[in-house]
């Protein structure tokens, strides 16, 4: 399973896209669970497929809202697990 580590600057951009860090807003805006959010926040790797879904969801949600994108990609690829 391919894992990626999202840098803290990108995590901050994700946080800024949320009206509040709640289960509902995490799912509605980012399409991730609280467990995935904790991994992002704490600097732990997440699955590549989860990262891809998160970026796609954020870009769809943020069109026209002035929220930045994560086009720079994750800070690095972790080892496959």
PDB file of N, CA and C in Angstrom:
ATOM      1  N   UNK A   1       0.859  -1.171   0.000  1.00  0.00           N
ATOM      2  CA  UNK A   1       0.000   0.000   0.000  1.00  0.00           C
ATOM      3  C   UNK A   1       0.904   1.232   0.000  1.00  0.00           C
ATOM      4  N   UNK A   2       0.711   2.124  -0.944  1.00  0.00           N
ATOM      5  CA  UNK A   2       1.510   3.345  -1.022  1.00  0.00           C
ATOM      6  C   UNK A   2       1.010   4.358  -0.012  1.00  0.00           C
ATOM      7  N   UNK A   3       1.963   4.935   0.731  1.00  0.00           N
ATOM      8  CA  UNK A   3       1.648   5.928   1.751  1.00  0.00           C
ATOM      9  C   UNK A   3       2.339   7.241   1.394  1.00  0.00           C
ATOM     10  N   UNK A   4       1.712   8.355   1.761  1.00  0.00           N
ATOM     11  CA  UNK A   4       2.310   9.673   1.545  1.00  0.00           C
ATOM     12  C   UNK A   4       2.272  10.455   2.848  1.00  0.00           C
ATOM     13  N   UNK A   5       3.239  11.347   2.975  1.00  0.00           N
ATOM     14  CA  UNK A   5       3.312  12.232   4.124  1.00  0.00           C
ATOM     15  C   UNK A   5       2.990  13.634   3.631  1.00  0.00           C
ATOM     16  N   UNK A   6       1.949  14.234   4.165  1.00  0.00           N
ATOM     17  CA  UNK A   6       1.517  15.567   3.754  1.00  0.00           C
ATOM     18  C   UNK A   6       2.221  16.575   4.649  1.00  0.00           C
ATOM     19  N   UNK A   7       2.864  17.584   4.036  1.00  0.00           N
ATOM     20  CA  UNK A   7       3.608  18.537   4.861  1.00  0.00           C
ATOM     21  C   UNK A   7       2.654  19.439   5.652  1.00  0.00           C
ATOM     22  N   UNK A   8       3.176  20.009   6.713  1.00  0.00           N
ATOM     23  CA  UNK A   8       2.341  20.776   7.636  1.00  0.00           C
ATOM     24  C   UNK A   8       1.766  22.048   7.007  1.00  0.00           C
ATOM     25  N   UNK A   9       2.447  22.613   6.023  1.00  0.00           N
ATOM     26  CA  UNK A   9       1.903  23.769   5.318  1.00  0.00           C
ATOM     27  C   UNK A   9       0.609  23.380   4.586  1.00  0.00           C
ATOM     28  N   UNK A  10       0.614  22.204   3.980  1.00  0.00           N
ATOM     29  CA  UNK A  10      -0.578  21.721   3.287  1.00  0.00           C
ATOM     30  C   UNK A  10      -1.684  21.381   4.286  1.00  0.00           C
ATOM     31  N   UNK A  11      -1.313  20.824   5.431  1.00  0.00           N
ATOM     32  CA  UNK A  11      -2.310  20.520   6.463  1.00  0.00           C
ATOM     33  C   UNK A  11      -2.966  21.819   6.940  1.00  0.00           C
ATOM     34  N   UNK A  12      -2.174  22.876   7.090  1.00  0.00           N
ATOM     35  CA  UNK A  12      -2.724  24.168   7.487  1.00  0.00           C
ATOM     36  C   UNK A  12      -3.701  24.694   6.433  1.00  0.00           C
ATOM     37  N   UNK A  13      -3.363  24.506   5.151  1.00  0.00           N
ATOM     38  CA  UNK A  13      -4.271  24.917   4.071  1.00  0.00           C
ATOM     39  C   UNK A  13      -5.582  24.131   4.152  1.00  0.00           C
ATOM     40  N   UNK A  14      -5.485  22.834   4.467  1.00  0.00           N
ATOM     41  CA  UNK A  14      -6.693  22.017   4.632  1.00  0.00           C
ATOM     42  C   UNK A  14      -7.514  22.534   5.804  1.00  0.00           C
ATOM     43  N   UNK A  15      -6.852  22.823   6.922  1.00  0.00           N
ATOM     44  CA  UNK A  15      -7.545  23.318   8.116  1.00  0.00           C
ATOM     45  C   UNK A  15      -8.272  24.621   7.809  1.00  0.00           C
ATOM     46  N   UNK A  16      -7.616  25.482   7.037  1.00  0.00           N
ATOM     47  CA  UNK A  16      -8.217  26.770   6.689  1.00  0.00           C
ATOM     48  C   UNK A  16      -9.428  26.628   5.777  1.00  0.00           C
ATOM     49  N   UNK A  17      -9.541  25.498   5.090  1.00  0.00           N
ATOM     50  CA  UNK A  17     -10.689  25.249   4.222  1.00  0.00           C
ATOM     51  C   UNK A  17     -11.912  24.809   5.021  1.00  0.00           C
ATOM     52  N   UNK A  18     -11.708  24.451   6.283  1.00  0.00           N
ATOM     53  CA  UNK A  18     -12.801  23.945   7.117  1.00  0.00           C
ATOM     54  C   UNK A  18     -13.438  25.053   7.943  1.00  0.00           C
ATOM     55  N   UNK A  19     -14.767  25.137   7.949  1.00  0.00           N
ATOM     56  CA  UNK A  19     -15.436  26.079   8.843  1.00  0.00           C
ATOM     57  C   UNK A  19     -15.187  25.714  10.315  1.00  0.00           C
ATOM     58  N   UNK A  20     -15.077  24.431  10.595  1.00  0.00           N
ATOM     59  CA  UNK A  20     -14.785  23.918  11.941  1.00  0.00           C
ATOM     60  C   UNK A  20     -14.253  22.498  11.766  1.00  0.00           C
ATOM     61  N   UNK A  21     -13.423  22.064  12.707  1.00  0.00           N
ATOM     62  CA  UNK A  21     -12.885  20.702  12.625  1.00  0.00           C
ATOM     63  C   UNK A  21     -13.851  19.769  13.363  1.00  0.00           C
ATOM     64  N   UNK A  22     -14.868  19.359  12.629  1.00  0.00           N
ATOM     65  CA  UNK A  22     -15.857  18.419  13.159  1.00  0.00           C
ATOM     66  C   UNK A  22     -15.995  17.274  12.171  1.00  0.00           C
ATOM     67  N   UNK A  23     -16.568  16.182  12.657  1.00  0.00           N
ATOM     68  CA  UNK A  23     -16.784  15.018  11.802  1.00  0.00           C
ATOM     69  C   UNK A  23     -17.555  15.390  10.537  1.00  0.00           C
ATOM     70  N   UNK A  24     -18.570  16.192  10.700  1.00  0.00           N
ATOM     71  CA  UNK A  24     -19.413  16.581   9.562  1.00  0.00           C
ATOM     72  C   UNK A  24     -18.617  17.400   8.547  1.00  0.00           C
ATOM     73  N   UNK A  25     -17.895  18.418   9.005  1.00  0.00           N
ATOM     74  CA  UNK A  25     -17.154  19.271   8.080  1.00  0.00           C
ATOM     75  C   UNK A  25     -15.970  18.539   7.455  1.00  0.00           C
ATOM     76  N   UNK A  26     -15.309  17.675   8.211  1.00  0.00           N
ATOM     77  CA  UNK A  26     -14.216  16.888   7.636  1.00  0.00           C
ATOM     78  C   UNK A  26     -14.722  16.054   6.463  1.00  0.00           C
ATOM     79  N   UNK A  27     -15.875  15.429   6.639  1.00  0.00           N
ATOM     80  CA  UNK A  27     -16.448  14.595   5.590  1.00  0.00           C
ATOM     81  C   UNK A  27     -16.985  15.449   4.433  1.00  0.00           C
ATOM     82  N   UNK A  28     -17.687  16.530   4.759  1.00  0.00           N
ATOM     83  CA  UNK A  28     -18.313  17.371   3.738  1.00  0.00           C
ATOM     84  C   UNK A  28     -17.284  18.097   2.872  1.00  0.00           C
ATOM     85  N   UNK A  29     -16.289  18.706   3.499  1.00  0.00           N
ATOM     86  CA  UNK A  29     -15.327  19.534   2.765  1.00  0.00           C
ATOM     87  C   UNK A  29     -14.157  18.726   2.212  1.00  0.00           C
ATOM     88  N   UNK A  30     -13.612  17.827   3.037  1.00  0.00           N
ATOM     89  CA  UNK A  30     -12.409  17.109   2.635  1.00  0.00           C
ATOM     90  C   UNK A  30     -12.652  15.657   2.234  1.00  0.00           C
ATOM     91  N   UNK A  31     -13.777  15.098   2.663  1.00  0.00           N
ATOM     92  CA  UNK A  31     -14.066  13.707   2.347  1.00  0.00           C
ATOM     93  C   UNK A  31     -13.204  12.726   3.123  1.00  0.00           C
ATOM     94  N   UNK A  32     -12.786  13.120   4.353  1.00  0.00           N
ATOM     95  CA  UNK A  32     -11.957  12.238   5.181  1.00  0.00           C
ATOM     96  C   UNK A  32     -12.590  12.036   6.554  1.00  0.00           C
ATOM     97  N   UNK A  33     -12.151  10.985   7.217  1.00  0.00           N
ATOM     98  CA  UNK A  33     -12.635  10.684   8.562  1.00  0.00           C
ATOM     99  C   UNK A  33     -11.821  11.434   9.606  1.00  0.00           C
ATOM    100  N   UNK A  34     -12.304  11.412  10.840  1.00  0.00           N
ATOM    101  CA  UNK A  34     -11.553  12.004  11.944  1.00  0.00           C
ATOM    102  C   UNK A  34     -10.215  11.296  12.142  1.00  0.00           C
ATOM    103  N   UNK A  35     -10.175   9.990  11.914  1.00  0.00           N
ATOM    104  CA  UNK A  35      -8.934   9.235  12.056  1.00  0.00           C
ATOM    105  C   UNK A  35      -7.897   9.710  11.042  1.00  0.00           C
ATOM    106  N   UNK A  36      -8.322   9.899   9.801  1.00  0.00           N
ATOM    107  CA  UNK A  36      -7.409  10.407   8.776  1.00  0.00           C
ATOM    108  C   UNK A  36      -6.968  11.821   9.122  1.00  0.00           C
ATOM    109  N   UNK A  37      -7.886  12.641   9.609  1.00  0.00           N
ATOM    110  CA  UNK A  37      -7.527  14.010   9.991  1.00  0.00           C
ATOM    111  C   UNK A  37      -6.461  14.006  11.090  1.00  0.00           C
ATOM    112  N   UNK A  38      -6.616  13.133  12.068  1.00  0.00           N
ATOM    113  CA  UNK A  38      -5.617  13.052  13.150  1.00  0.00           C
ATOM    114  C   UNK A  38      -4.254  12.651  12.584  1.00  0.00           C
ATOM    115  N   UNK A  39      -4.247  11.724  11.634  1.00  0.00           N
ATOM    116  CA  UNK A  39      -2.983  11.331  11.008  1.00  0.00           C
ATOM    117  C   UNK A  39      -2.340  12.521  10.293  1.00  0.00           C
ATOM    118  N   UNK A  40      -3.138  13.267   9.547  1.00  0.00           N
ATOM    119  CA  UNK A  40      -2.621  14.453   8.858  1.00  0.00           C
ATOM    120  C   UNK A  40      -2.077  15.465   9.859  1.00  0.00           C
ATOM    121  N   UNK A  41      -2.874  15.769  10.847  1.00  0.00           N
ATOM    122  CA  UNK A  41      -2.519  16.761  11.853  1.00  0.00           C
ATOM    123  C   UNK A  41      -1.255  16.386  12.620  1.00  0.00           C
ATOM    124  N   UNK A  42      -1.110  15.099  12.893  1.00  0.00           N
ATOM    125  CA  UNK A  42       0.015  14.621  13.703  1.00  0.00           C
ATOM    126  C   UNK A  42       1.249  14.270  12.880  1.00  0.00           C
ATOM    127  N   UNK A  43       1.194  14.498  11.560  1.00  0.00           N
ATOM    128  CA  UNK A  43       2.357  14.258  10.716  1.00  0.00           C
ATOM    129  C   UNK A  43       2.610  12.800  10.381  1.00  0.00           C
ATOM    130  N   UNK A  44       1.554  11.987  10.446  1.00  0.00           N
ATOM    131  CA  UNK A  44       1.688  10.571  10.091  1.00  0.00           C
ATOM    132  C   UNK A  44       1.235  10.372   8.639  1.00  0.00           C
ATOM    133  N   UNK A  45       1.785   9.364   7.965  1.00  0.00           N
ATOM    134  CA  UNK A  45       1.413   9.136   6.564  1.00  0.00           C
ATOM    135  C   UNK A  45      -0.033   8.657   6.408  1.00  0.00           C
ATOM    136  N   UNK A  46      -0.591   8.958   5.254  1.00  0.00           N
ATOM    137  CA  UNK A  46      -1.920   8.471   4.880  1.00  0.00           C
ATOM    138  C   UNK A  46      -1.781   7.742   3.551  1.00  0.00           C
ATOM    139  N   UNK A  47      -2.787   6.962   3.201  1.00  0.00           N
ATOM    140  CA  UNK A  47      -2.760   6.226   1.927  1.00  0.00           C
ATOM    141  C   UNK A  47      -2.760   7.200   0.752  1.00  0.00           C
ATOM    142  N   UNK A  48      -2.048   6.811  -0.286  1.00  0.00           N
ATOM    143  CA  UNK A  48      -2.013   7.615  -1.507  1.00  0.00           C
ATOM    144  C   UNK A  48      -3.425   7.810  -2.060  1.00  0.00           C
ATOM    145  N   UNK A  49      -4.229   6.768  -2.046  1.00  0.00           N
ATOM    146  CA  UNK A  49      -5.590   6.873  -2.579  1.00  0.00           C
ATOM    147  C   UNK A  49      -6.434   7.857  -1.757  1.00  0.00           C
ATOM    148  N   UNK A  50      -6.221   7.898  -0.451  1.00  0.00           N
ATOM    149  CA  UNK A  50      -6.934   8.851   0.400  1.00  0.00           C
ATOM    150  C   UNK A  50      -6.487  10.272   0.072  1.00  0.00           C
ATOM    151  N   UNK A  51      -5.184  10.456  -0.110  1.00  0.00           N
ATOM    152  CA  UNK A  51      -4.658  11.777  -0.467  1.00  0.00           C
ATOM    153  C   UNK A  51      -5.240  12.242  -1.804  1.00  0.00           C
ATOM    154  N   UNK A  52      -5.268  11.348  -2.792  1.00  0.00           N
ATOM    155  CA  UNK A  52      -5.810  11.701  -4.106  1.00  0.00           C
ATOM    156  C   UNK A  52      -7.276  12.101  -4.005  1.00  0.00           C
ATOM    157  N   UNK A  53      -8.058  11.350  -3.222  1.00  0.00           N
ATOM    158  CA  UNK A  53      -9.471  11.662  -3.033  1.00  0.00           C
ATOM    159  C   UNK A  53      -9.643  12.997  -2.310  1.00  0.00           C
ATOM    160  N   UNK A  54      -8.815  13.248  -1.307  1.00  0.00           N
ATOM    161  CA  UNK A  54      -8.874  14.482  -0.535  1.00  0.00           C
ATOM    162  C   UNK A  54      -8.606  15.690  -1.440  1.00  0.00           C
ATOM    163  N   UNK A  55      -7.573  15.613  -2.261  1.00  0.00           N
ATOM    164  CA  UNK A  55      -7.233  16.708  -3.170  1.00  0.00           C
ATOM    165  C   UNK A  55      -8.365  16.951  -4.164  1.00  0.00           C
ATOM    166  N   UNK A  56      -8.902  15.886  -4.730  1.00  0.00           N
ATOM    167  CA  UNK A  56      -9.992  16.033  -5.696  1.00  0.00           C
ATOM    168  C   UNK A  56     -11.222  16.662  -5.045  1.00  0.00           C
ATOM    169  N   UNK A  57     -11.557  16.209  -3.856  1.00  0.00           N
ATOM    170  CA  UNK A  57     -12.725  16.740  -3.135  1.00  0.00           C
ATOM    171  C   UNK A  57     -12.500  18.211  -2.791  1.00  0.00           C
ATOM    172  N   UNK A  58     -11.317  18.551  -2.305  1.00  0.00           N
ATOM    173  CA  UNK A  58     -11.021  19.936  -1.947  1.00  0.00           C
ATOM    174  C   UNK A  58     -11.104  20.835  -3.170  1.00  0.00           C
ATOM    175  N   UNK A  59     -10.580  20.392  -4.294  1.00  0.00           N
ATOM    176  CA  UNK A  59     -10.627  21.214  -5.502  1.00  0.00           C
ATOM    177  C   UNK A  59     -12.053  21.409  -6.002  1.00  0.00           C
ATOM    178  N   UNK A  60     -12.885  20.358  -5.909  1.00  0.00           N
ATOM    179  CA  UNK A  60     -14.302  20.506  -6.299  1.00  0.00           C
ATOM    180  C   UNK A  60     -15.019  21.451  -5.349  1.00  0.00           C
ATOM    181  N   UNK A  61     -14.764  21.301  -4.054  1.00  0.00           N
ATOM    182  CA  UNK A  61     -15.435  22.109  -3.038  1.00  0.00           C
ATOM    183  C   UNK A  61     -14.986  23.556  -3.078  1.00  0.00           C
ATOM    184  N   UNK A  62     -13.702  23.776  -3.380  1.00  0.00           N
ATOM    185  CA  UNK A  62     -13.136  25.117  -3.263  1.00  0.00           C
ATOM    186  C   UNK A  62     -13.272  25.973  -4.510  1.00  0.00           C
ATOM    187  N   UNK A  63     -13.744  25.425  -5.597  1.00  0.00           N
ATOM    188  CA  UNK A  63     -13.892  26.238  -6.814  1.00  0.00           C
ATOM    189  C   UNK A  63     -14.751  27.452  -6.518  1.00  0.00           C
ATOM    190  N   UNK A  64     -14.180  28.615  -6.776  1.00  0.00           N
ATOM    191  CA  UNK A  64     -14.931  29.844  -6.584  1.00  0.00           C
ATOM    192  C   UNK A  64     -14.957  30.331  -5.155  1.00  0.00           C
ATOM    193  N   UNK A  65     -14.371  29.584  -4.212  1.00  0.00           N
ATOM    194  CA  UNK A  65     -14.420  30.026  -2.824  1.00  0.00           C
ATOM    195  C   UNK A  65     -13.129  30.676  -2.371  1.00  0.00           C
ATOM    196  N   UNK A  66     -12.114  30.688  -3.230  1.00  0.00           N
ATOM    197  CA  UNK A  66     -10.853  31.317  -2.873  1.00  0.00           C
ATOM    198  C   UNK A  66      -9.938  30.443  -2.026  1.00  0.00           C
ATOM    199  N   UNK A  67     -10.305  29.198  -1.807  1.00  0.00           N
ATOM    200  CA  UNK A  67      -9.468  28.296  -1.031  1.00  0.00           C
ATOM    201  C   UNK A  67      -8.363  27.780  -1.933  1.00  0.00           C
ATOM    202  N   UNK A  68      -7.141  27.744  -1.417  1.00  0.00           N
ATOM    203  CA  UNK A  68      -5.998  27.276  -2.201  1.00  0.00           C
ATOM    204  C   UNK A  68      -6.077  25.794  -2.485  1.00  0.00           C
ATOM    205  N   UNK A  69      -5.260  25.356  -3.429  1.00  0.00           N
ATOM    206  CA  UNK A  69      -5.228  23.937  -3.755  1.00  0.00           C
ATOM    207  C   UNK A  69      -3.954  23.317  -3.198  1.00  0.00           C
ATOM    208  N   UNK A  70      -3.841  22.018  -3.335  1.00  0.00           N
ATOM    209  CA  UNK A  70      -2.664  21.297  -2.877  1.00  0.00           C
ATOM    210  C   UNK A  70      -1.868  20.795  -4.064  1.00  0.00           C
ATOM    211  N   UNK A  71      -1.820  21.542  -5.145  1.00  0.00           N
ATOM    212  CA  UNK A  71      -1.190  21.059  -6.366  1.00  0.00           C
ATOM    213  C   UNK A  71       0.269  20.684  -6.193  1.00  0.00           C
ATOM    214  N   UNK A  72       0.934  21.209  -5.167  1.00  0.00           N
ATOM    215  CA  UNK A  72       2.336  20.887  -4.945  1.00  0.00           C
ATOM    216  C   UNK A  72       2.544  19.420  -4.590  1.00  0.00           C
ATOM    217  N   UNK A  73       1.506  18.739  -4.180  1.00  0.00           N
ATOM    218  CA  UNK A  73       1.605  17.332  -3.831  1.00  0.00           C
ATOM    219  C   UNK A  73       2.138  17.132  -2.424  1.00  0.00           C
ATOM    220  N   UNK A  74       2.200  15.904  -2.011  1.00  0.00           N
ATOM    221  CA  UNK A  74       2.680  15.618  -0.664  1.00  0.00           C
ATOM    222  C   UNK A  74       4.169  15.887  -0.555  1.00  0.00           C
ATOM    223  N   UNK A  75       4.666  16.001   0.653  1.00  0.00           N
ATOM    224  CA  UNK A  75       6.075  16.326   0.861  1.00  0.00           C
ATOM    225  C   UNK A  75       6.995  15.171   0.519  1.00  0.00           C
ATOM    226  N   UNK A  76       6.481  13.985   0.478  1.00  0.00           N
ATOM    227  CA  UNK A  76       7.329  12.857   0.138  1.00  0.00           C
ATOM    228  C   UNK A  76       6.532  11.578   0.169  1.00  0.00           C
ATOM    229  N   UNK A  77       7.042  10.576  -0.477  1.00  0.00           N
ATOM    230  CA  UNK A  77       6.371   9.287  -0.476  1.00  0.00           C
ATOM    231  C   UNK A  77       6.946   8.426   0.616  1.00  0.00           C
ATOM    232  N   UNK A  78       6.085   7.818   1.381  1.00  0.00           N
ATOM    233  CA  UNK A  78       6.536   6.885   2.402  1.00  0.00           C
ATOM    234  C   UNK A  78       6.733   5.516   1.784  1.00  0.00           C
ATOM    235  N   UNK A  79       7.180   4.613   2.563  1.00  0.00           N
ATOM    236  CA  UNK A  79       7.380   3.250   2.075  1.00  0.00           C
ATOM    237  C   UNK A  79       6.036   2.560   1.899  1.00  0.00           C
ATOM    238  N   UNK A  80       5.993   1.654   0.973  1.00  0.00           N
ATOM    239  CA  UNK A  80       4.781   0.850   0.811  1.00  0.00           C
ATOM    240  C   UNK A  80       4.624  -0.035   2.026  1.00  0.00           C
ATOM    241  N   UNK A  81       3.413  -0.222   2.448  1.00  0.00           N
ATOM    242  CA  UNK A  81       3.139  -1.060   3.620  1.00  0.00           C
ATOM    243  C   UNK A  81       2.231  -2.177   3.264  1.00  0.00           C
TER     244      UNK A  81
END
